[in-house]
């Protein structure tokens, strides 16, 4: 029942969109995936904008939260109540900071299923009129998986098991996985810096301040860990998934930067300027 609802509402519409884009874009699967990745990222702009606003509100509330933590250090129940009052007063929603995460996971899950279906040649779920159009009336729909010298239906693990881990025809797929992780790391780091332009040149806080735990420092440390963890996770996923998924992730990472510029161009521009200033200062010290 749930699988039927999931396919009807999510998987099949995206599958048909993929087939239509593939046919419109000169039967090029890579171009279709690039367009799908761009559309999905742009569709999340309202949620990402809300997430950004909530993050900024949280930053502005930090001094007040610090006061509450000191005042009610020995009364956790009262501390929680006062924090919720402050959130309500300032219009801050704690869940707003992760508001775009769930939709991203849903989109990713759907696209993984669609990519696997398309790259395996399955046509179940294609609407009759779409199948008729993309197959030119023959009722048969095939995919050309070639893109930039890669077969988008194949994975590094699949090829390495057959030819060896460092065979010449296998290395491009390993390279793709590494590029996915690198691009995701750079894009996430870059967008974090351009969205916090005034903090670009500040040093990380220590985990202990004045003999007590420094919450801000702990948060920064956690963010740094997550910044490394996610790219590593995507590398491991990419080596076992069709190369089409790696291409999708690369485009998504680039579109993340575009997304933030659309949300707040002036602040993002200022952040970019500060980033380049920081790099120039580091290079001048060497």
Protein backbone atom coordinates (compact mmCIF):
# COMPACT_ATOMS: atom_id res chain seq x y z
CA UNK A 1 0.00 0.00 0.00
CA UNK A 2 2.67 2.50 1.05
CA UNK A 3 4.88 1.45 -1.88
CA UNK A 4 1.99 2.06 -4.30
CA UNK A 5 1.33 5.53 -2.86
CA UNK A 6 5.06 6.36 -2.91
CA UNK A 7 5.38 5.30 -6.56
CA UNK A 8 2.18 6.99 -7.71
CA UNK A 9 2.85 10.34 -6.03
CA UNK A 10 6.63 10.57 -6.27
CA UNK A 11 8.54 7.95 -8.25
CA UNK A 12 6.41 7.68 -11.39
CA UNK A 13 6.08 11.45 -12.02
CA UNK A 14 9.86 11.91 -11.69
CA UNK A 15 10.47 8.84 -13.87
CA UNK A 16 8.27 10.28 -16.61
CA UNK A 17 9.94 13.68 -16.31
CA UNK A 18 13.31 11.97 -16.69
CA UNK A 19 12.09 10.14 -19.82
CA UNK A 20 10.71 13.34 -21.33
CA UNK A 21 13.90 15.30 -20.64
CA UNK A 22 16.01 12.47 -22.03
CA UNK A 23 14.01 12.54 -25.27
CA UNK A 24 14.05 16.34 -25.51
CA UNK A 25 17.79 16.57 -24.82
CA UNK A 26 18.89 14.54 -27.83
CA UNK A 27 18.63 11.18 -26.01
CA UNK A 28 21.35 12.25 -23.58
CA UNK A 29 20.92 10.77 -20.10
CA UNK A 30 23.66 12.94 -18.60
CA UNK A 31 21.96 16.17 -19.69
CA UNK A 32 18.62 14.91 -18.37
CA UNK A 33 20.16 14.22 -14.96
CA UNK A 34 21.80 17.66 -14.91
CA UNK A 35 18.43 19.33 -15.55
CA UNK A 36 16.67 17.16 -12.93
CA UNK A 37 19.36 17.98 -10.35
CA UNK A 38 19.06 21.71 -11.10
CA UNK A 39 15.26 21.69 -10.89
CA UNK A 40 15.22 19.78 -7.60
CA UNK A 41 17.72 22.16 -5.99
CA UNK A 42 15.88 25.28 -7.20
CA UNK A 43 12.57 23.84 -5.96
CA UNK A 44 14.02 23.80 -2.43
CA UNK A 45 14.77 27.54 -2.41
CA UNK A 46 11.76 28.49 -0.21
CA UNK A 47 12.69 25.85 2.39
CA UNK A 48 16.38 26.75 2.27
CA UNK A 49 15.52 30.43 2.65
CA UNK A 50 13.48 29.64 5.76
CA UNK A 51 16.33 27.47 7.08
CA UNK A 52 18.78 30.33 6.54
CA UNK A 53 16.52 32.78 8.34
CA UNK A 54 16.13 30.42 11.30
CA UNK A 55 19.91 29.94 11.46
CA UNK A 56 20.45 33.69 11.56
CA UNK A 57 17.81 34.11 14.25
CA UNK A 58 19.49 31.43 16.30
CA UNK A 59 22.78 33.33 16.02
CA UNK A 60 21.11 36.56 17.14
CA UNK A 61 19.48 34.77 20.08
CA UNK A 62 22.74 33.30 21.33
CA UNK A 63 23.52 36.09 23.86
CA UNK A 64 20.05 35.74 25.42
CA UNK A 65 20.34 31.94 25.46
CA UNK A 66 23.71 32.19 27.19
CA UNK A 67 22.14 34.37 29.89
CA UNK A 68 19.35 31.85 30.39
CA UNK A 69 21.81 28.99 30.66
CA UNK A 70 23.72 30.80 33.40
CA UNK A 71 20.58 31.89 35.21
CA UNK A 72 18.94 28.44 35.21
CA UNK A 73 22.04 26.26 35.21
CA UNK A 74 20.64 24.11 38.01
CA UNK A 75 17.06 23.96 36.77
CA UNK A 76 16.83 22.26 33.39
CA UNK A 77 13.02 22.30 33.33
CA UNK A 78 12.84 26.04 33.91
CA UNK A 79 15.62 26.57 31.37
CA UNK A 80 13.64 24.70 28.70
CA UNK A 81 10.51 26.71 29.48
CA UNK A 82 12.32 30.04 29.24
CA UNK A 83 14.05 29.01 26.03
CA UNK A 84 10.71 28.10 24.44
CA UNK A 85 9.27 31.46 25.56
CA UNK A 86 12.20 33.24 23.93
CA UNK A 87 11.82 31.21 20.72
CA UNK A 88 8.11 32.02 20.56
CA UNK A 89 8.70 35.70 21.23
CA UNK A 90 11.32 36.02 18.48
CA UNK A 91 9.50 33.77 16.00
CA UNK A 92 12.22 31.14 16.00
CA UNK A 93 11.35 27.56 15.09
CA UNK A 94 14.05 25.04 16.11
CA UNK A 95 12.87 22.68 13.37
CA UNK A 96 13.31 25.42 10.77
CA UNK A 97 17.06 24.83 10.71
CA UNK A 98 16.49 21.33 9.35
CA UNK A 99 13.39 22.18 7.34
CA UNK A 100 14.98 21.41 3.97
CA UNK A 101 16.73 18.22 5.09
CA UNK A 102 13.70 15.91 4.98
CA UNK A 103 12.61 17.05 1.47
CA UNK A 104 16.20 16.61 0.27
CA UNK A 105 16.29 13.05 1.59
CA UNK A 106 12.93 12.29 -0.04
CA UNK A 107 14.06 13.72 -3.39
CA UNK A 108 17.33 11.82 -3.18
CA UNK A 109 15.55 8.57 -2.36
CA UNK A 110 13.15 9.03 -5.27
CA UNK A 111 15.92 9.91 -7.71
CA UNK A 112 18.03 6.93 -6.68
CA UNK A 113 15.07 4.69 -7.49
CA UNK A 114 14.41 6.50 -10.78
CA UNK A 115 18.06 6.41 -11.83
CA UNK A 116 18.25 2.69 -11.09
CA UNK A 117 15.04 2.08 -13.03
CA UNK A 118 16.13 4.16 -16.03
CA UNK A 119 19.66 2.77 -16.16
CA UNK A 120 18.35 -0.80 -15.94
CA UNK A 121 15.93 -0.23 -18.82
CA UNK A 122 12.72 -0.64 -16.80
CA UNK A 123 9.69 1.18 -18.21
CA UNK A 124 7.15 0.24 -15.55
CA UNK A 125 5.59 3.46 -14.35
CA UNK A 126 5.86 5.32 -17.65
CA UNK A 127 2.53 6.85 -18.62
CA UNK A 128 1.15 5.48 -21.87
CA UNK A 129 1.21 8.83 -23.67
CA UNK A 130 4.80 9.46 -22.53
CA UNK A 131 5.94 6.01 -23.63
CA UNK A 132 4.25 6.47 -27.00
CA UNK A 133 5.93 9.84 -27.50
CA UNK A 134 9.47 8.96 -26.36
CA UNK A 135 9.42 5.66 -28.28
CA UNK A 136 8.05 7.30 -31.45
CA UNK A 137 5.04 5.00 -31.31
CA UNK A 138 6.98 1.74 -31.07
CA UNK A 139 6.20 1.17 -27.38
CA UNK A 140 9.86 0.33 -26.70
CA UNK A 141 12.03 2.71 -24.72
CA UNK A 142 15.77 2.27 -24.43
CA UNK A 143 18.42 4.45 -22.79
CA UNK A 144 21.81 5.40 -24.17
CA UNK A 145 23.90 5.56 -20.95
CA UNK A 146 27.07 7.08 -22.47
CA UNK A 147 28.12 10.49 -21.13
CA UNK A 148 31.60 12.05 -21.22
CA UNK A 149 33.22 8.67 -21.74
CA UNK A 150 31.36 7.02 -18.86
CA UNK A 151 28.59 4.44 -18.86
CA UNK A 152 26.17 5.99 -16.36
CA UNK A 153 24.61 2.61 -15.60
CA UNK A 154 27.88 1.20 -14.22
CA UNK A 155 29.59 1.65 -10.85
CA UNK A 156 33.19 1.48 -9.67
CA UNK A 157 32.55 -1.56 -7.47
CA UNK A 158 30.86 -3.41 -10.31
CA UNK A 159 33.70 -2.77 -12.75
CA UNK A 160 36.51 -3.30 -10.24
CA UNK A 161 35.12 -6.73 -9.39
CA UNK A 162 35.43 -7.68 -13.05
CA UNK A 163 38.59 -5.88 -14.19
CA UNK A 164 40.48 -5.00 -11.00
CA UNK A 165 40.51 -1.98 -8.73
CA UNK A 166 43.03 0.04 -10.76
CA UNK A 167 42.30 -1.10 -14.31
CA UNK A 168 42.44 1.79 -16.84
CA UNK A 169 38.74 1.48 -17.69
CA UNK A 170 37.82 1.45 -13.99
CA UNK A 171 39.81 4.44 -12.72
CA UNK A 172 37.47 7.08 -14.25
CA UNK A 173 34.66 5.75 -12.05
CA UNK A 174 36.85 5.93 -8.96
CA UNK A 175 37.82 9.44 -10.01
CA UNK A 176 34.13 10.35 -10.30
CA UNK A 177 33.48 9.18 -6.73
CA UNK A 178 36.42 11.22 -5.41
CA UNK A 179 35.28 14.29 -7.36
CA UNK A 180 31.80 13.90 -5.87
CA UNK A 181 33.21 14.00 -2.34
CA UNK A 182 35.57 16.89 -3.10
CA UNK A 183 32.92 19.01 -4.81
CA UNK A 184 30.44 18.40 -2.00
CA UNK A 185 33.02 19.38 0.61
CA UNK A 186 34.04 22.54 -1.23
CA UNK A 187 30.44 23.57 -1.97
CA UNK A 188 29.28 23.05 1.62
CA UNK A 189 32.32 24.83 3.06
CA UNK A 190 32.02 27.65 0.54
CA UNK A 191 28.30 28.24 1.13
CA UNK A 192 28.84 28.16 4.90
CA UNK A 193 31.47 30.87 4.55
CA UNK A 194 29.53 33.09 2.12
CA UNK A 195 26.41 32.90 4.28
CA UNK A 196 28.41 34.00 7.33
CA UNK A 197 30.66 36.66 5.79
CA UNK A 198 31.37 38.42 9.08
CA UNK A 199 32.73 35.20 10.60
CA UNK A 200 34.99 34.15 7.75
CA UNK A 201 38.17 35.33 9.38
CA UNK A 202 37.33 34.42 12.96
CA UNK A 203 39.12 31.58 14.68
CA UNK A 204 37.22 28.56 15.90
CA UNK A 205 36.10 28.67 19.51
CA UNK A 206 37.69 26.35 22.02
CA UNK A 207 35.63 23.56 23.58
CA UNK A 208 36.27 24.92 27.08
CA UNK A 209 35.90 28.53 28.12
CA UNK A 210 36.50 29.76 31.64
CA UNK A 211 36.65 26.22 32.98
CA UNK A 212 33.16 25.42 31.60
CA UNK A 213 32.02 23.82 28.34
CA UNK A 214 31.83 26.32 25.50
CA UNK A 215 28.62 25.51 23.61
CA UNK A 216 29.56 27.63 20.60
CA UNK A 217 32.95 25.94 20.36
CA UNK A 218 31.33 22.52 20.59
CA UNK A 219 28.86 23.43 17.83
CA UNK A 220 31.69 24.60 15.58
CA UNK A 221 33.59 21.37 16.22
CA UNK A 222 30.50 19.32 15.42
CA UNK A 223 29.92 21.27 12.20
CA UNK A 224 33.52 20.65 11.16
CA UNK A 225 33.08 16.93 11.77
CA UNK A 226 29.87 16.85 9.74
CA UNK A 227 31.59 18.80 6.97
CA UNK A 228 34.04 15.91 6.58
CA UNK A 229 31.64 13.06 7.31
CA UNK A 230 29.10 13.76 4.58
CA UNK A 231 31.58 13.92 1.67
CA UNK A 232 33.18 10.69 2.88
CA UNK A 233 29.77 9.03 3.07
CA UNK A 234 28.88 10.13 -0.46
CA UNK A 235 32.17 8.74 -1.78
CA UNK A 236 31.38 5.33 -0.31
CA UNK A 237 27.84 5.46 -1.73
CA UNK A 238 29.01 6.63 -5.15
CA UNK A 239 31.53 3.82 -5.66
CA UNK A 240 28.72 1.27 -5.33
CA UNK A 241 25.99 3.21 -7.16
CA UNK A 242 25.53 3.86 -10.90
CA UNK A 243 27.71 6.72 -12.14
CA UNK A 244 24.48 8.60 -12.88
CA UNK A 245 24.06 9.22 -9.16
CA UNK A 246 27.58 10.66 -8.92
CA UNK A 247 26.79 13.08 -11.75
CA UNK A 248 23.60 14.10 -9.94
CA UNK A 249 25.48 14.85 -6.73
CA UNK A 250 28.11 16.97 -8.51
CA UNK A 251 25.43 19.13 -10.12
CA UNK A 252 23.57 19.39 -6.81
CA UNK A 253 26.70 20.67 -5.09
CA UNK A 254 27.25 23.40 -7.69
CA UNK A 255 23.58 24.34 -7.59
CA UNK A 256 23.83 24.72 -3.81
CA UNK A 257 26.08 27.73 -4.38
CA UNK A 258 23.68 29.13 -7.00
CA UNK A 259 20.79 28.62 -4.59
CA UNK A 260 22.36 30.77 -1.88
CA UNK A 261 23.17 33.53 -4.35
CA UNK A 262 19.52 33.58 -5.40
CA UNK A 263 18.38 33.73 -1.77
CA UNK A 264 20.69 36.58 -0.73
CA UNK A 265 22.92 37.87 -3.51
CA UNK A 266 24.41 40.83 -1.63
CA UNK A 267 25.40 38.86 1.45
CA UNK A 268 26.72 35.98 -0.65
CA UNK A 269 28.76 38.41 -2.75
CA UNK A 270 30.23 39.93 0.41
CA UNK A 271 31.05 36.46 1.69
CA UNK A 272 32.84 35.56 -1.55
CA UNK A 273 34.91 38.73 -1.36
CA UNK A 274 35.91 37.91 2.21
CA UNK A 275 36.77 34.34 1.25
CA UNK A 276 39.14 35.52 -1.48
CA UNK A 277 40.61 38.09 0.93
CA UNK A 278 41.27 35.33 3.44
CA UNK A 279 42.94 33.14 0.82
CA UNK A 280 45.13 36.02 -0.39
CA UNK A 281 46.24 36.72 3.18
CA UNK A 282 47.11 33.05 3.73
CA UNK A 283 49.09 32.91 0.49
CA UNK A 284 50.96 36.10 1.34
CA UNK A 285 52.09 34.57 4.67
CA UNK A 286 53.67 31.57 2.95
